[in-house]
Amino acid sequence: MAGTEFLPKHILDLSIKPNNEIGWSRDVIPEVLKYAHQRKVAVLALQVQMNFPKATCDFYWLCYQNEPKEFSGTWEEYCNKTFEDSCKWLETVTDDLLEHELRTGFGITTERQLILKHTRILTYFIDKEHFEKSRK
């Protein structure tokens, strides 16, 4: 797996690090993914999390994930595919979906603007070295 050391300070400064996991708000995450793609770092997984003052809600079922060992193409193709797929997945994470999942998964109802404020996309990257190791 790759850390976040490849990201510039201005992007890291926008991150939220709940429970030692790094994530970004939904309005920032597209910039993070674009920067990773430009640096040839692939997206291994994304997961929705909401951080309220008294509770953290992990939406394990709302995630983008892939298995590098199952991918038969090149590293560059993998980077492109994970970038495209993760961006498409993000488009499905709507306010309506989050409101529904928060209510049905956790029994929490809240105002819509609080959903945007408290939602984070946890982000996990993979670099070429770990990609190649996973395929052996």
C-alpha atoms as a PDB file:
ATOM      1  CA  MET A   1       0.000   0.000   0.000  1.00  0.00           C
ATOM      2  CA  ALA A   2       1.112   3.559  -0.522  1.00  0.00           C
ATOM      3  CA  GLY A   3       0.934   6.229   2.102  1.00  0.00           C
ATOM      4  CA  THR A   4       0.089   9.815   1.425  1.00  0.00           C
ATOM      5  CA  GLU A   5       3.640  11.160   1.268  1.00  0.00           C
ATOM      6  CA  PHE A   6       3.254  11.857  -2.457  1.00  0.00           C
ATOM      7  CA  LEU A   7       0.489  14.370  -1.778  1.00  0.00           C
ATOM      8  CA  PRO A   8       1.394  18.048  -1.489  1.00  0.00           C
ATOM      9  CA  LYS A   9       0.961  19.916   1.782  1.00  0.00           C
ATOM     10  CA  HIS A  10      -2.060  21.912   0.596  1.00  0.00           C
ATOM     11  CA  ILE A  11      -3.970  18.666  -0.073  1.00  0.00           C
ATOM     12  CA  LEU A  12      -2.815  17.003   3.150  1.00  0.00           C
ATOM     13  CA  ASP A  13      -3.876  20.095   5.072  1.00  0.00           C
ATOM     14  CA  LEU A  14      -7.434  19.532   3.812  1.00  0.00           C
ATOM     15  CA  SER A  15      -7.523  15.950   5.096  1.00  0.00           C
ATOM     16  CA  ILE A  16      -9.405  14.754   8.119  1.00  0.00           C
ATOM     17  CA  LYS A  17      -7.703  12.031  10.124  1.00  0.00           C
ATOM     18  CA  PRO A  18     -10.301  10.362  12.307  1.00  0.00           C
ATOM     19  CA  ASN A  19      -9.095   7.290  14.163  1.00  0.00           C
ATOM     20  CA  ASN A  20      -5.714   7.333  12.378  1.00  0.00           C
ATOM     21  CA  GLU A  21      -7.382   6.950   8.987  1.00  0.00           C
ATOM     22  CA  ILE A  22      -7.031   9.635   6.353  1.00  0.00           C
ATOM     23  CA  GLY A  23      -9.979  10.968   4.458  1.00  0.00           C
ATOM     24  CA  TRP A  24     -11.299  14.008   2.692  1.00  0.00           C
ATOM     25  CA  SER A  25     -14.645  15.698   2.343  1.00  0.00           C
ATOM     26  CA  ARG A  26     -16.672  14.930  -0.756  1.00  0.00           C
ATOM     27  CA  ASP A  27     -15.861  18.293  -2.294  1.00  0.00           C
ATOM     28  CA  VAL A  28     -12.076  17.775  -1.968  1.00  0.00           C
ATOM     29  CA  ILE A  29     -11.724  14.070  -2.813  1.00  0.00           C
ATOM     30  CA  PRO A  30     -11.877  14.557  -6.620  1.00  0.00           C
ATOM     31  CA  GLU A  31      -8.775  16.777  -6.410  1.00  0.00           C
ATOM     32  CA  VAL A  32      -6.995  14.152  -4.297  1.00  0.00           C
ATOM     33  CA  LEU A  33      -7.793  11.366  -6.775  1.00  0.00           C
ATOM     34  CA  LYS A  34      -6.718  13.508  -9.719  1.00  0.00           C
ATOM     35  CA  TYR A  35      -3.413  14.330  -8.053  1.00  0.00           C
ATOM     36  CA  ALA A  36      -2.787  10.662  -7.237  1.00  0.00           C
ATOM     37  CA  HIS A  37      -3.539   9.697 -10.825  1.00  0.00           C
ATOM     38  CA  GLN A  38      -1.124  12.319 -12.158  1.00  0.00           C
ATOM     39  CA  ARG A  39       1.583  10.873  -9.867  1.00  0.00           C
ATOM     40  CA  LYS A  40       0.851   7.297 -11.023  1.00  0.00           C
ATOM     41  CA  VAL A  41      -0.497   6.170  -7.664  1.00  0.00           C
ATOM     42  CA  ALA A  42      -3.573   3.953  -7.886  1.00  0.00           C
ATOM     43  CA  VAL A  43      -6.691   3.940  -5.735  1.00  0.00           C
ATOM     44  CA  LEU A  44      -6.978   0.709  -3.782  1.00  0.00           C
ATOM     45  CA  ALA A  45     -10.128   1.570  -1.844  1.00  0.00           C
ATOM     46  CA  LEU A  46     -12.495   4.352  -0.809  1.00  0.00           C
ATOM     47  CA  GLN A  47     -14.996   4.138   2.031  1.00  0.00           C
ATOM     48  CA  VAL A  48     -17.661   6.455   3.391  1.00  0.00           C
ATOM     49  CA  GLN A  49     -17.386   7.487   7.017  1.00  0.00           C
ATOM     50  CA  MET A  50     -19.313  10.077   9.004  1.00  0.00           C
ATOM     51  CA  ASN A  51     -17.690  11.706  12.000  1.00  0.00           C
ATOM     52  CA  PHE A  52     -20.156  13.238  14.415  1.00  0.00           C
ATOM     53  CA  PRO A  53     -19.076  14.815  17.723  1.00  0.00           C
ATOM     54  CA  LYS A  54     -20.186  11.763  19.749  1.00  0.00           C
ATOM     55  CA  ALA A  55     -20.080   8.975  17.171  1.00  0.00           C
ATOM     56  CA  THR A  56     -18.250   7.680  14.122  1.00  0.00           C
ATOM     57  CA  CYS A  57     -20.308   5.798  11.548  1.00  0.00           C
ATOM     58  CA  ASP A  58     -18.369   3.539   9.180  1.00  0.00           C
ATOM     59  CA  PHE A  59     -20.330   2.613   6.082  1.00  0.00           C
ATOM     60  CA  TYR A  60     -18.431  -0.578   5.239  1.00  0.00           C
ATOM     61  CA  TRP A  61     -20.966  -1.412   2.555  1.00  0.00           C
ATOM     62  CA  LEU A  62     -20.503   1.972   0.826  1.00  0.00           C
ATOM     63  CA  CYS A  63     -17.079   1.478  -0.630  1.00  0.00           C
ATOM     64  CA  TYR A  64     -15.040   1.264  -3.792  1.00  0.00           C
ATOM     65  CA  GLN A  65     -12.509  -1.543  -3.684  1.00  0.00           C
ATOM     66  CA  ASN A  66     -10.477  -3.524  -6.140  1.00  0.00           C
ATOM     67  CA  GLU A  67      -8.030  -6.414  -6.054  1.00  0.00           C
ATOM     68  CA  PRO A  68      -4.750  -5.672  -7.831  1.00  0.00           C
ATOM     69  CA  LYS A  69      -3.845  -9.364  -8.053  1.00  0.00           C
ATOM     70  CA  GLU A  70      -6.968  -9.948 -10.164  1.00  0.00           C
ATOM     71  CA  PHE A  71      -6.050  -7.243 -12.675  1.00  0.00           C
ATOM     72  CA  SER A  72      -4.316  -8.611 -15.780  1.00  0.00           C
ATOM     73  CA  GLY A  73      -3.158  -5.344 -17.375  1.00  0.00           C
ATOM     74  CA  THR A  74      -0.158  -3.096 -16.889  1.00  0.00           C
ATOM     75  CA  TRP A  75       0.504  -0.762 -13.979  1.00  0.00           C
ATOM     76  CA  GLU A  76      -0.453   2.257 -16.092  1.00  0.00           C
ATOM     77  CA  GLU A  77      -3.712   0.594 -17.153  1.00  0.00           C
ATOM     78  CA  TYR A  78      -4.432  -0.226 -13.507  1.00  0.00           C
ATOM     79  CA  CYS A  79      -3.840   3.402 -12.461  1.00  0.00           C
ATOM     80  CA  ASN A  80      -6.167   4.626 -15.194  1.00  0.00           C
ATOM     81  CA  LYS A  81      -8.841   2.056 -14.366  1.00  0.00           C
ATOM     82  CA  THR A  82      -8.833   2.742 -10.627  1.00  0.00           C
ATOM     83  CA  PHE A  83      -8.981   6.483 -11.241  1.00  0.00           C
ATOM     84  CA  GLU A  84     -11.924   6.180 -13.629  1.00  0.00           C
ATOM     85  CA  ASP A  85     -13.764   3.602 -11.526  1.00  0.00           C
ATOM     86  CA  SER A  86     -13.304   5.480  -8.256  1.00  0.00           C
ATOM     87  CA  CYS A  87     -14.518   8.748  -9.838  1.00  0.00           C
ATOM     88  CA  LYS A  88     -17.605   6.947 -11.165  1.00  0.00           C
ATOM     89  CA  TRP A  89     -18.212   5.432  -7.742  1.00  0.00           C
ATOM     90  CA  LEU A  90     -18.019   8.876  -6.117  1.00  0.00           C
ATOM     91  CA  GLU A  91     -20.799  10.080  -8.395  1.00  0.00           C
ATOM     92  CA  THR A  92     -23.075   7.451  -6.828  1.00  0.00           C
ATOM     93  CA  VAL A  93     -22.459   8.746  -3.289  1.00  0.00           C
ATOM     94  CA  THR A  94     -25.268  11.290  -3.245  1.00  0.00           C
ATOM     95  CA  ASP A  95     -26.862  13.176  -0.383  1.00  0.00           C
ATOM     96  CA  ASP A  96     -30.016  11.089  -0.870  1.00  0.00           C
ATOM     97  CA  LEU A  97     -28.055   7.855  -0.584  1.00  0.00           C
ATOM     98  CA  LEU A  98     -26.139   9.014   2.486  1.00  0.00           C
ATOM     99  CA  GLU A  99     -29.288  10.244   4.209  1.00  0.00           C
ATOM    100  CA  HIS A 100     -31.005   6.911   3.532  1.00  0.00           C
ATOM    101  CA  GLU A 101     -28.029   4.807   4.661  1.00  0.00           C
ATOM    102  CA  LEU A 102     -27.515   6.865   7.807  1.00  0.00           C
ATOM    103  CA  ARG A 103     -31.160   6.398   8.730  1.00  0.00           C
ATOM    104  CA  THR A 104     -31.437   2.688   7.865  1.00  0.00           C
ATOM    105  CA  GLY A 105     -27.932   1.601   8.864  1.00  0.00           C
ATOM    106  CA  PHE A 106     -27.569   3.563  12.088  1.00  0.00           C
ATOM    107  CA  GLY A 107     -31.040   4.844  12.951  1.00  0.00           C
ATOM    108  CA  ILE A 108     -29.811   8.445  12.735  1.00  0.00           C
ATOM    109  CA  THR A 109     -31.736  11.260  11.119  1.00  0.00           C
ATOM    110  CA  THR A 110     -30.018  14.592  10.649  1.00  0.00           C
ATOM    111  CA  GLU A 111     -30.223  17.735   8.602  1.00  0.00           C
ATOM    112  CA  ARG A 112     -28.860  17.492   5.104  1.00  0.00           C
ATOM    113  CA  GLN A 113     -26.160  20.134   5.572  1.00  0.00           C
ATOM    114  CA  LEU A 114     -24.782  18.106   8.485  1.00  0.00           C
ATOM    115  CA  ILE A 115     -24.413  15.086   6.229  1.00  0.00           C
ATOM    116  CA  LEU A 116     -22.135  17.043   3.916  1.00  0.00           C
ATOM    117  CA  LYS A 117     -20.265  18.536   6.862  1.00  0.00           C
ATOM    118  CA  HIS A 118     -19.600  15.203   8.582  1.00  0.00           C
ATOM    119  CA  THR A 119     -19.018  12.890   5.602  1.00  0.00           C
ATOM    120  CA  ARG A 120     -15.461  11.801   4.852  1.00  0.00           C
ATOM    121  CA  ILE A 121     -14.171   9.526   2.151  1.00  0.00           C
ATOM    122  CA  LEU A 122     -11.451   7.348   3.633  1.00  0.00           C
ATOM    123  CA  THR A 123      -8.797   6.785   1.010  1.00  0.00           C
ATOM    124  CA  TYR A 124      -6.304   3.969   0.481  1.00  0.00           C
ATOM    125  CA  PHE A 125      -3.699   4.070  -2.259  1.00  0.00           C
ATOM    126  CA  ILE A 126      -1.346   1.519  -3.773  1.00  0.00           C
ATOM    127  CA  ASP A 127       1.960   2.198  -5.496  1.00  0.00           C
ATOM    128  CA  LYS A 128       3.633   0.263  -8.281  1.00  0.00           C
ATOM    129  CA  GLU A 129       5.936  -1.648  -5.937  1.00  0.00           C
ATOM    130  CA  HIS A 130       3.056  -3.020  -3.851  1.00  0.00           C
ATOM    131  CA  PHE A 131       0.972  -3.637  -6.967  1.00  0.00           C
ATOM    132  CA  GLU A 132       3.722  -5.843  -8.424  1.00  0.00           C
ATOM    133  CA  LYS A 133       4.262  -7.678  -5.125  1.00  0.00           C
ATOM    134  CA  SER A 134       0.548  -8.444  -4.869  1.00  0.00           C
ATOM    135  CA  ARG A 135       0.600 -10.170  -8.253  1.00  0.00           C
ATOM    136  CA  LYS A 136       3.366 -12.642  -7.451  1.00  0.00           C
END
